[in-house]
Amino acid sequence: MIDAATLATIVLMAASTYLTRVVGYLALRNRCLSPRMHSVLENVPGCVLVSVIAPAFVSDRPADLAALAVTLAAATRLPILPTVLIGIVATGLLRHLSSL
């Protein structure tokens, strides 16, 4: 069963990602944006996604820190979707190996 705090975190991150898109659209729909401002607004939901991995920086579990290093290495070369998938697989695999 999923922990209530984990479920709340997932729901709140999904809601904040969705709301950044909707509120940005509603507030700025009649304005002409510069290319720089348009780029900033496109990347706001990605900043919310970073909050998923940020707690791993303060983890005391070696498997999580190693998975974080693998994910950071992947992020320097790959787009976001493969990076997320590699991070998930690396975390699961390293946690499994550390529990043996």
PDB file of N, CA and C in Angstrom:
ATOM      1  N   MET A   1       0.840  -1.180   0.000  1.00  0.00           N
ATOM      2  CA  MET A   1       0.000   0.000   0.000  1.00  0.00           C
ATOM      3  C   MET A   1       0.886   1.245   0.000  1.00  0.00           C
ATOM      4  N   ILE A   2       0.480   2.240  -0.749  1.00  0.00           N
ATOM      5  CA  ILE A   2       1.274   3.461  -0.862  1.00  0.00           C
ATOM      6  C   ILE A   2       1.084   4.325   0.391  1.00  0.00           C
ATOM      7  N   ASP A   3       2.171   4.885   0.829  1.00  0.00           N
ATOM      8  CA  ASP A   3       2.177   5.760   2.003  1.00  0.00           C
ATOM      9  C   ASP A   3       1.381   7.032   1.702  1.00  0.00           C
ATOM     10  N   ALA A   4       0.642   7.523   2.678  1.00  0.00           N
ATOM     11  CA  ALA A   4      -0.197   8.715   2.493  1.00  0.00           C
ATOM     12  C   ALA A   4       0.642   9.936   2.134  1.00  0.00           C
ATOM     13  N   ALA A   5       1.803  10.077   2.744  1.00  0.00           N
ATOM     14  CA  ALA A   5       2.669  11.230   2.436  1.00  0.00           C
ATOM     15  C   ALA A   5       3.185  11.154   1.002  1.00  0.00           C
ATOM     16  N   THR A   6       3.519   9.950   0.554  1.00  0.00           N
ATOM     17  CA  THR A   6       3.984   9.777  -0.827  1.00  0.00           C
ATOM     18  C   THR A   6       2.873  10.105  -1.808  1.00  0.00           C
ATOM     19  N   LEU A   7       1.679   9.603  -1.532  1.00  0.00           N
ATOM     20  CA  LEU A   7       0.541   9.886  -2.400  1.00  0.00           C
ATOM     21  C   LEU A   7       0.241  11.382  -2.433  1.00  0.00           C
ATOM     22  N   ALA A   8       0.276  12.031  -1.289  1.00  0.00           N
ATOM     23  CA  ALA A   8       0.036  13.476  -1.236  1.00  0.00           C
ATOM     24  C   ALA A   8       1.091  14.235  -2.020  1.00  0.00           C
ATOM     25  N   THR A   9       2.333  13.803  -1.921  1.00  0.00           N
ATOM     26  CA  THR A   9       3.413  14.450  -2.667  1.00  0.00           C
ATOM     27  C   THR A   9       3.195  14.322  -4.169  1.00  0.00           C
ATOM     28  N   ILE A  10       2.838  13.132  -4.620  1.00  0.00           N
ATOM     29  CA  ILE A  10       2.603  12.907  -6.050  1.00  0.00           C
ATOM     30  C   ILE A  10       1.443  13.761  -6.551  1.00  0.00           C
ATOM     31  N   VAL A  11       0.354  13.773  -5.795  1.00  0.00           N
ATOM     32  CA  VAL A  11      -0.825  14.542  -6.193  1.00  0.00           C
ATOM     33  C   VAL A  11      -0.513  16.038  -6.214  1.00  0.00           C
ATOM     34  N   LEU A  12       0.178  16.541  -5.199  1.00  0.00           N
ATOM     35  CA  LEU A  12       0.501  17.969  -5.150  1.00  0.00           C
ATOM     36  C   LEU A  12       1.480  18.372  -6.248  1.00  0.00           C
ATOM     37  N   MET A  13       2.444  17.509  -6.571  1.00  0.00           N
ATOM     38  CA  MET A  13       3.374  17.836  -7.659  1.00  0.00           C
ATOM     39  C   MET A  13       2.652  17.822  -9.000  1.00  0.00           C
ATOM     40  N   ALA A  14       1.750  16.873  -9.198  1.00  0.00           N
ATOM     41  CA  ALA A  14       0.975  16.841 -10.440  1.00  0.00           C
ATOM     42  C   ALA A  14       0.094  18.084 -10.549  1.00  0.00           C
ATOM     43  N   ALA A  15      -0.537  18.450  -9.455  1.00  0.00           N
ATOM     44  CA  ALA A  15      -1.395  19.634  -9.460  1.00  0.00           C
ATOM     45  C   ALA A  15      -0.595  20.904  -9.720  1.00  0.00           C
ATOM     46  N   SER A  16       0.568  21.022  -9.098  1.00  0.00           N
ATOM     47  CA  SER A  16       1.368  22.231  -9.310  1.00  0.00           C
ATOM     48  C   SER A  16       1.904  22.297 -10.738  1.00  0.00           C
ATOM     49  N   THR A  17       2.255  21.161 -11.313  1.00  0.00           N
ATOM     50  CA  THR A  17       2.702  21.143 -12.710  1.00  0.00           C
ATOM     51  C   THR A  17       1.566  21.566 -13.629  1.00  0.00           C
ATOM     52  N   TYR A  18       0.390  21.010 -13.406  1.00  0.00           N
ATOM     53  CA  TYR A  18      -0.769  21.363 -14.223  1.00  0.00           C
ATOM     54  C   TYR A  18      -1.123  22.837 -14.056  1.00  0.00           C
ATOM     55  N   LEU A  19      -1.131  23.303 -12.810  1.00  0.00           N
ATOM     56  CA  LEU A  19      -1.510  24.696 -12.555  1.00  0.00           C
ATOM     57  C   LEU A  19      -0.528  25.697 -13.150  1.00  0.00           C
ATOM     58  N   THR A  20       0.760  25.353 -13.214  1.00  0.00           N
ATOM     59  CA  THR A  20       1.706  26.281 -13.842  1.00  0.00           C
ATOM     60  C   THR A  20       1.370  26.480 -15.311  1.00  0.00           C
ATOM     61  N   ARG A  21       0.923  25.424 -15.957  1.00  0.00           N
ATOM     62  CA  ARG A  21       0.526  25.552 -17.363  1.00  0.00           C
ATOM     63  C   ARG A  21      -0.763  26.345 -17.514  1.00  0.00           C
ATOM     64  N   VAL A  22      -1.770  25.988 -16.727  1.00  0.00           N
ATOM     65  CA  VAL A  22      -3.081  26.621 -16.858  1.00  0.00           C
ATOM     66  C   VAL A  22      -3.043  28.088 -16.448  1.00  0.00           C
ATOM     67  N   VAL A  23      -2.457  28.378 -15.299  1.00  0.00           N
ATOM     68  CA  VAL A  23      -2.406  29.755 -14.821  1.00  0.00           C
ATOM     69  C   VAL A  23      -1.560  30.611 -15.766  1.00  0.00           C
ATOM     70  N   GLY A  24      -0.460  30.073 -16.221  1.00  0.00           N
ATOM     71  CA  GLY A  24       0.364  30.814 -17.177  1.00  0.00           C
ATOM     72  C   GLY A  24      -0.393  31.125 -18.454  1.00  0.00           C
ATOM     73  N   TYR A  25      -1.140  30.149 -18.939  1.00  0.00           N
ATOM     74  CA  TYR A  25      -1.935  30.378 -20.145  1.00  0.00           C
ATOM     75  C   TYR A  25      -3.009  31.434 -19.904  1.00  0.00           C
ATOM     76  N   LEU A  26      -3.728  31.298 -18.796  1.00  0.00           N
ATOM     77  CA  LEU A  26      -4.813  32.236 -18.517  1.00  0.00           C
ATOM     78  C   LEU A  26      -4.287  33.652 -18.265  1.00  0.00           C
ATOM     79  N   ALA A  27      -3.196  33.777 -17.551  1.00  0.00           N
ATOM     80  CA  ALA A  27      -2.668  35.108 -17.219  1.00  0.00           C
ATOM     81  C   ALA A  27      -1.999  35.783 -18.406  1.00  0.00           C
ATOM     82  N   LEU A  28      -1.443  35.013 -19.317  1.00  0.00           N
ATOM     83  CA  LEU A  28      -0.641  35.591 -20.393  1.00  0.00           C
ATOM     84  C   LEU A  28      -1.199  35.346 -21.787  1.00  0.00           C
ATOM     85  N   ARG A  29      -2.436  34.914 -21.907  1.00  0.00           N
ATOM     86  CA  ARG A  29      -2.960  34.527 -23.209  1.00  0.00           C
ATOM     87  C   ARG A  29      -3.089  35.690 -24.190  1.00  0.00           C
ATOM     88  N   ASN A  30      -3.247  36.910 -23.721  1.00  0.00           N
ATOM     89  CA  ASN A  30      -3.412  38.065 -24.612  1.00  0.00           C
ATOM     90  C   ASN A  30      -2.161  38.927 -24.699  1.00  0.00           C
ATOM     91  N   ARG A  31      -1.040  38.395 -24.240  1.00  0.00           N
ATOM     92  CA  ARG A  31       0.198  39.177 -24.245  1.00  0.00           C
ATOM     93  C   ARG A  31       1.163  38.615 -25.273  1.00  0.00           C
ATOM     94  N   CYS A  32       2.012  39.486 -25.770  1.00  0.00           N
ATOM     95  CA  CYS A  32       3.071  39.071 -26.686  1.00  0.00           C
ATOM     96  C   CYS A  32       4.339  38.887 -25.854  1.00  0.00           C
ATOM     97  N   LEU A  33       4.868  37.665 -25.848  1.00  0.00           N
ATOM     98  CA  LEU A  33       6.032  37.353 -25.019  1.00  0.00           C
ATOM     99  C   LEU A  33       7.308  37.337 -25.851  1.00  0.00           C
ATOM    100  N   SER A  34       8.385  37.738 -25.220  1.00  0.00           N
ATOM    101  CA  SER A  34       9.685  37.662 -25.879  1.00  0.00           C
ATOM    102  C   SER A  34      10.095  36.189 -25.957  1.00  0.00           C
ATOM    103  N   PRO A  35      10.993  35.845 -26.865  1.00  0.00           N
ATOM    104  CA  PRO A  35      11.445  34.452 -26.938  1.00  0.00           C
ATOM    105  C   PRO A  35      12.057  33.966 -25.627  1.00  0.00           C
ATOM    106  N   ARG A  36      12.741  34.845 -24.927  1.00  0.00           N
ATOM    107  CA  ARG A  36      13.346  34.452 -23.647  1.00  0.00           C
ATOM    108  C   ARG A  36      12.276  34.121 -22.603  1.00  0.00           C
ATOM    109  N   MET A  37      11.257  34.961 -22.495  1.00  0.00           N
ATOM    110  CA  MET A  37      10.172  34.711 -21.539  1.00  0.00           C
ATOM    111  C   MET A  37       9.406  33.451 -21.917  1.00  0.00           C
ATOM    112  N   HIS A  38       9.211  33.227 -23.193  1.00  0.00           N
ATOM    113  CA  HIS A  38       8.537  32.007 -23.650  1.00  0.00           C
ATOM    114  C   HIS A  38       9.340  30.775 -23.231  1.00  0.00           C
ATOM    115  N   SER A  39      10.645  30.821 -23.372  1.00  0.00           N
ATOM    116  CA  SER A  39      11.510  29.713 -22.970  1.00  0.00           C
ATOM    117  C   SER A  39      11.441  29.464 -21.462  1.00  0.00           C
ATOM    118  N   VAL A  40      11.441  30.531 -20.682  1.00  0.00           N
ATOM    119  CA  VAL A  40      11.339  30.404 -19.223  1.00  0.00           C
ATOM    120  C   VAL A  40      10.030  29.729 -18.840  1.00  0.00           C
ATOM    121  N   LEU A  41       8.943  30.162 -19.439  1.00  0.00           N
ATOM    122  CA  LEU A  41       7.634  29.591 -19.104  1.00  0.00           C
ATOM    123  C   LEU A  41       7.510  28.139 -19.529  1.00  0.00           C
ATOM    124  N   GLU A  42       8.172  27.753 -20.593  1.00  0.00           N
ATOM    125  CA  GLU A  42       8.142  26.353 -21.022  1.00  0.00           C
ATOM    126  C   GLU A  42       8.870  25.447 -20.039  1.00  0.00           C
ATOM    127  N   ASN A  43       9.839  25.977 -19.313  1.00  0.00           N
ATOM    128  CA  ASN A  43      10.649  25.157 -18.413  1.00  0.00           C
ATOM    129  C   ASN A  43      10.179  25.146 -16.965  1.00  0.00           C
ATOM    130  N   VAL A  44       9.171  25.899 -16.618  1.00  0.00           N
ATOM    131  CA  VAL A  44       8.686  25.931 -15.241  1.00  0.00           C
ATOM    132  C   VAL A  44       8.235  24.551 -14.758  1.00  0.00           C
ATOM    133  N   PRO A  45       7.445  23.773 -15.516  1.00  0.00           N
ATOM    134  CA  PRO A  45       7.054  22.448 -15.030  1.00  0.00           C
ATOM    135  C   PRO A  45       8.252  21.516 -14.814  1.00  0.00           C
ATOM    136  N   GLY A  46       9.295  21.691 -15.571  1.00  0.00           N
ATOM    137  CA  GLY A  46      10.509  20.901 -15.350  1.00  0.00           C
ATOM    138  C   GLY A  46      11.134  21.195 -13.993  1.00  0.00           C
ATOM    139  N   CYS A  47      10.996  22.430 -13.544  1.00  0.00           N
ATOM    140  CA  CYS A  47      11.513  22.784 -12.217  1.00  0.00           C
ATOM    141  C   CYS A  47      10.751  22.044 -11.128  1.00  0.00           C
ATOM    142  N   VAL A  48       9.470  21.835 -11.331  1.00  0.00           N
ATOM    143  CA  VAL A  48       8.680  21.065 -10.366  1.00  0.00           C
ATOM    144  C   VAL A  48       9.159  19.617 -10.372  1.00  0.00           C
ATOM    145  N   LEU A  49       9.477  19.094 -11.560  1.00  0.00           N
ATOM    146  CA  LEU A  49       9.958  17.719 -11.662  1.00  0.00           C
ATOM    147  C   LEU A  49      11.273  17.530 -10.907  1.00  0.00           C
ATOM    148  N   VAL A  50      12.107  18.534 -10.883  1.00  0.00           N
ATOM    149  CA  VAL A  50      13.374  18.449 -10.156  1.00  0.00           C
ATOM    150  C   VAL A  50      13.136  18.221  -8.670  1.00  0.00           C
ATOM    151  N   SER A  51      12.004  18.700  -8.166  1.00  0.00           N
ATOM    152  CA  SER A  51      11.707  18.494  -6.745  1.00  0.00           C
ATOM    153  C   SER A  51      11.568  17.019  -6.395  1.00  0.00           C
ATOM    154  N   VAL A  52      11.368  16.174  -7.392  1.00  0.00           N
ATOM    155  CA  VAL A  52      11.284  14.730  -7.148  1.00  0.00           C
ATOM    156  C   VAL A  52      12.648  14.178  -6.737  1.00  0.00           C
ATOM    157  N   ILE A  53      13.704  14.626  -7.388  1.00  0.00           N
ATOM    158  CA  ILE A  53      15.027  14.065  -7.100  1.00  0.00           C
ATOM    159  C   ILE A  53      15.815  14.872  -6.074  1.00  0.00           C
ATOM    160  N   ALA A  54      15.379  16.075  -5.772  1.00  0.00           N
ATOM    161  CA  ALA A  54      16.126  16.905  -4.827  1.00  0.00           C
ATOM    162  C   ALA A  54      16.346  16.247  -3.470  1.00  0.00           C
ATOM    163  N   PRO A  55      15.369  15.546  -2.889  1.00  0.00           N
ATOM    164  CA  PRO A  55      15.626  14.902  -1.586  1.00  0.00           C
ATOM    165  C   PRO A  55      16.739  13.854  -1.628  1.00  0.00           C
ATOM    166  N   ALA A  56      17.032  13.303  -2.785  1.00  0.00           N
ATOM    167  CA  ALA A  56      18.096  12.300  -2.890  1.00  0.00           C
ATOM    168  C   ALA A  56      19.466  12.896  -2.593  1.00  0.00           C
ATOM    169  N   PHE A  57      19.614  14.207  -2.737  1.00  0.00           N
ATOM    170  CA  PHE A  57      20.894  14.845  -2.449  1.00  0.00           C
ATOM    171  C   PHE A  57      21.258  14.782  -0.964  1.00  0.00           C
ATOM    172  N   VAL A  58      20.259  14.623  -0.112  1.00  0.00           N
ATOM    173  CA  VAL A  58      20.519  14.560   1.322  1.00  0.00           C
ATOM    174  C   VAL A  58      20.284  13.163   1.894  1.00  0.00           C
ATOM    175  N   SER A  59      20.187  12.186   1.032  1.00  0.00           N
ATOM    176  CA  SER A  59      19.952  10.813   1.467  1.00  0.00           C
ATOM    177  C   SER A  59      21.185  10.242   2.155  1.00  0.00           C
ATOM    178  N   ASP A  60      20.941   9.356   3.108  1.00  0.00           N
ATOM    179  CA  ASP A  60      22.064   8.677   3.761  1.00  0.00           C
ATOM    180  C   ASP A  60      22.192   7.239   3.272  1.00  0.00           C
ATOM    181  N   ARG A  61      21.423   6.880   2.251  1.00  0.00           N
ATOM    182  CA  ARG A  61      21.476   5.534   1.686  1.00  0.00           C
ATOM    183  C   ARG A  61      22.438   5.518   0.500  1.00  0.00           C
ATOM    184  N   PRO A  62      23.475   4.705   0.552  1.00  0.00           N
ATOM    185  CA  PRO A  62      24.444   4.655  -0.548  1.00  0.00           C
ATOM    186  C   PRO A  62      23.813   4.303  -1.896  1.00  0.00           C
ATOM    187  N   ALA A  63      22.808   3.438  -1.899  1.00  0.00           N
ATOM    188  CA  ALA A  63      22.159   3.064  -3.160  1.00  0.00           C
ATOM    189  C   ALA A  63      21.488   4.275  -3.810  1.00  0.00           C
ATOM    190  N   ASP A  64      20.844   5.117  -3.008  1.00  0.00           N
ATOM    191  CA  ASP A  64      20.195   6.305  -3.552  1.00  0.00           C
ATOM    192  C   ASP A  64      21.215   7.308  -4.078  1.00  0.00           C
ATOM    193  N   LEU A  65      22.312   7.466  -3.366  1.00  0.00           N
ATOM    194  CA  LEU A  65      23.359   8.390  -3.826  1.00  0.00           C
ATOM    195  C   LEU A  65      24.004   7.898  -5.120  1.00  0.00           C
ATOM    196  N   ALA A  66      24.217   6.584  -5.230  1.00  0.00           N
ATOM    197  CA  ALA A  66      24.779   6.027  -6.465  1.00  0.00           C
ATOM    198  C   ALA A  66      23.789   6.190  -7.615  1.00  0.00           C
ATOM    199  N   ALA A  67      22.510   5.958  -7.355  1.00  0.00           N
ATOM    200  CA  ALA A  67      21.496   6.144  -8.396  1.00  0.00           C
ATOM    201  C   ALA A  67      21.408   7.604  -8.822  1.00  0.00           C
ATOM    202  N   LEU A  68      21.572   8.507  -7.873  1.00  0.00           N
ATOM    203  CA  LEU A  68      21.589   9.926  -8.198  1.00  0.00           C
ATOM    204  C   LEU A  68      22.754  10.259  -9.121  1.00  0.00           C
ATOM    205  N   ALA A  69      23.914   9.689  -8.844  1.00  0.00           N
ATOM    206  CA  ALA A  69      25.075   9.924  -9.703  1.00  0.00           C
ATOM    207  C   ALA A  69      24.833   9.385 -11.118  1.00  0.00           C
ATOM    208  N   VAL A  70      24.230   8.214 -11.216  1.00  0.00           N
ATOM    209  CA  VAL A  70      23.903   7.642 -12.531  1.00  0.00           C
ATOM    210  C   VAL A  70      22.915   8.549 -13.270  1.00  0.00           C
ATOM    211  N   THR A  71      21.917   9.031 -12.551  1.00  0.00           N
ATOM    212  CA  THR A  71      20.910   9.899 -13.158  1.00  0.00           C
ATOM    213  C   THR A  71      21.517  11.223 -13.613  1.00  0.00           C
ATOM    214  N   LEU A  72      22.371  11.792 -12.805  1.00  0.00           N
ATOM    215  CA  LEU A  72      23.033  13.044 -13.205  1.00  0.00           C
ATOM    216  C   LEU A  72      23.915  12.847 -14.428  1.00  0.00           C
ATOM    217  N   ALA A  73      24.610  11.714 -14.487  1.00  0.00           N
ATOM    218  CA  ALA A  73      25.433  11.419 -15.668  1.00  0.00           C
ATOM    219  C   ALA A  73      24.556  11.283 -16.908  1.00  0.00           C
ATOM    220  N   ALA A  74      23.421  10.611 -16.770  1.00  0.00           N
ATOM    221  CA  ALA A  74      22.504  10.461 -17.907  1.00  0.00           C
ATOM    222  C   ALA A  74      21.934  11.809 -18.329  1.00  0.00           C
ATOM    223  N   ALA A  75      21.666  12.672 -17.361  1.00  0.00           N
ATOM    224  CA  ALA A  75      21.072  13.975 -17.666  1.00  0.00           C
ATOM    225  C   ALA A  75      22.008  14.877 -18.464  1.00  0.00           C
ATOM    226  N   THR A  76      23.308  14.628 -18.372  1.00  0.00           N
ATOM    227  CA  THR A  76      24.240  15.462 -19.138  1.00  0.00           C
ATOM    228  C   THR A  76      24.250  15.112 -20.619  1.00  0.00           C
ATOM    229  N   ARG A  77      23.729  13.932 -20.974  1.00  0.00           N
ATOM    230  CA  ARG A  77      23.791  13.477 -22.369  1.00  0.00           C
ATOM    231  C   ARG A  77      22.448  13.185 -23.019  1.00  0.00           C
ATOM    232  N   LEU A  78      21.407  12.959 -22.215  1.00  0.00           N
ATOM    233  CA  LEU A  78      20.141  12.479 -22.757  1.00  0.00           C
ATOM    234  C   LEU A  78      18.994  13.446 -22.485  1.00  0.00           C
ATOM    235  N   PRO A  79      17.917  13.329 -23.252  1.00  0.00           N
ATOM    236  CA  PRO A  79      16.713  14.119 -22.959  1.00  0.00           C
ATOM    237  C   PRO A  79      16.058  13.660 -21.657  1.00  0.00           C
ATOM    238  N   ILE A  80      15.005  14.346 -21.255  1.00  0.00           N
ATOM    239  CA  ILE A  80      14.398  14.120 -19.946  1.00  0.00           C
ATOM    240  C   ILE A  80      13.788  12.734 -19.786  1.00  0.00           C
ATOM    241  N   LEU A  81      13.052  12.233 -20.779  1.00  0.00           N
ATOM    242  CA  LEU A  81      12.375  10.947 -20.610  1.00  0.00           C
ATOM    243  C   LEU A  81      13.355   9.789 -20.412  1.00  0.00           C
ATOM    244  N   PRO A  82      14.373   9.630 -21.255  1.00  0.00           N
ATOM    245  CA  PRO A  82      15.336   8.560 -20.984  1.00  0.00           C
ATOM    246  C   PRO A  82      16.070   8.748 -19.658  1.00  0.00           C
ATOM    247  N   THR A  83      16.326   9.981 -19.286  1.00  0.00           N
ATOM    248  CA  THR A  83      16.991  10.253 -18.006  1.00  0.00           C
ATOM    249  C   THR A  83      16.133   9.800 -16.837  1.00  0.00           C
ATOM    250  N   VAL A  84      14.844  10.104 -16.890  1.00  0.00           N
ATOM    251  CA  VAL A  84      13.937   9.681 -15.821  1.00  0.00           C
ATOM    252  C   VAL A  84      13.868   8.163 -15.759  1.00  0.00           C
ATOM    253  N   LEU A  85      13.753   7.521 -16.913  1.00  0.00           N
ATOM    254  CA  LEU A  85      13.692   6.057 -16.934  1.00  0.00           C
ATOM    255  C   LEU A  85      14.976   5.429 -16.399  1.00  0.00           C
ATOM    256  N   ILE A  86      16.101   5.964 -16.780  1.00  0.00           N
ATOM    257  CA  ILE A  86      17.385   5.462 -16.271  1.00  0.00           C
ATOM    258  C   ILE A  86      17.471   5.667 -14.766  1.00  0.00           C
ATOM    259  N   GLY A  87      17.022   6.811 -14.283  1.00  0.00           N
ATOM    260  CA  GLY A  87      17.030   7.073 -12.846  1.00  0.00           C
ATOM    261  C   GLY A  87      16.160   6.108 -12.071  1.00  0.00           C
ATOM    262  N   ILE A  88      14.985   5.804 -12.609  1.00  0.00           N
ATOM    263  CA  ILE A  88      14.073   4.865 -11.944  1.00  0.00           C
ATOM    264  C   ILE A  88      14.669   3.464 -11.906  1.00  0.00           C
ATOM    265  N   VAL A  89      15.190   3.021 -13.046  1.00  0.00           N
ATOM    266  CA  VAL A  89      15.783   1.678 -13.119  1.00  0.00           C
ATOM    267  C   VAL A  89      17.020   1.588 -12.228  1.00  0.00           C
ATOM    268  N   ALA A  90      17.860   2.604 -12.271  1.00  0.00           N
ATOM    269  CA  ALA A  90      19.078   2.593 -11.450  1.00  0.00           C
ATOM    270  C   ALA A  90      18.735   2.562  -9.967  1.00  0.00           C
ATOM    271  N   THR A  91      17.753   3.343  -9.560  1.00  0.00           N
ATOM    272  CA  THR A  91      17.357   3.359  -8.149  1.00  0.00           C
ATOM    273  C   THR A  91      16.816   2.004  -7.714  1.00  0.00           C
ATOM    274  N   GLY A  92      15.927   1.449  -8.502  1.00  0.00           N
ATOM    275  CA  GLY A  92      15.366   0.138  -8.163  1.00  0.00           C
ATOM    276  C   GLY A  92      16.416  -0.947  -8.117  1.00  0.00           C
ATOM    277  N   LEU A  93      17.281  -0.964  -9.113  1.00  0.00           N
ATOM    278  CA  LEU A  93      18.321  -1.999  -9.182  1.00  0.00           C
ATOM    279  C   LEU A  93      19.328  -1.849  -8.041  1.00  0.00           C
ATOM    280  N   LEU A  94      19.773  -0.650  -7.789  1.00  0.00           N
ATOM    281  CA  LEU A  94      20.768  -0.438  -6.719  1.00  0.00           C
ATOM    282  C   LEU A  94      20.176  -0.675  -5.336  1.00  0.00           C
ATOM    283  N   ARG A  95      18.917  -0.325  -5.144  1.00  0.00           N
ATOM    284  CA  ARG A  95      18.270  -0.631  -3.863  1.00  0.00           C
ATOM    285  C   ARG A  95      18.140  -2.132  -3.677  1.00  0.00           C
ATOM    286  N   HIS A  96      17.795  -2.820  -4.754  1.00  0.00           N
ATOM    287  CA  HIS A  96      17.678  -4.289  -4.681  1.00  0.00           C
ATOM    288  C   HIS A  96      19.023  -4.910  -4.361  1.00  0.00           C
ATOM    289  N   LEU A  97      20.064  -4.474  -5.044  1.00  0.00           N
ATOM    290  CA  LEU A  97      21.400  -5.038  -4.818  1.00  0.00           C
ATOM    291  C   LEU A  97      21.918  -4.724  -3.426  1.00  0.00           C
ATOM    292  N   SER A  98      21.568  -3.562  -2.890  1.00  0.00           N
ATOM    293  CA  SER A  98      22.050  -3.217  -1.552  1.00  0.00           C
ATOM    294  C   SER A  98      21.310  -3.992  -0.448  1.00  0.00           C
ATOM    295  N   SER A  99      20.133  -4.505  -0.765  1.00  0.00           N
ATOM    296  CA  SER A  99      19.379  -5.264   0.238  1.00  0.00           C
ATOM    297  C   SER A  99      19.772  -6.727   0.266  1.00  0.00           C
ATOM    298  N   LEU A 100      20.588  -7.173  -0.665  1.00  0.00           N
ATOM    299  CA  LEU A 100      21.035  -8.576  -0.692  1.00  0.00           C
ATOM    300  C   LEU A 100      22.056  -8.880   0.368  1.00  0.00           C
TER     301      LEU A 100
END
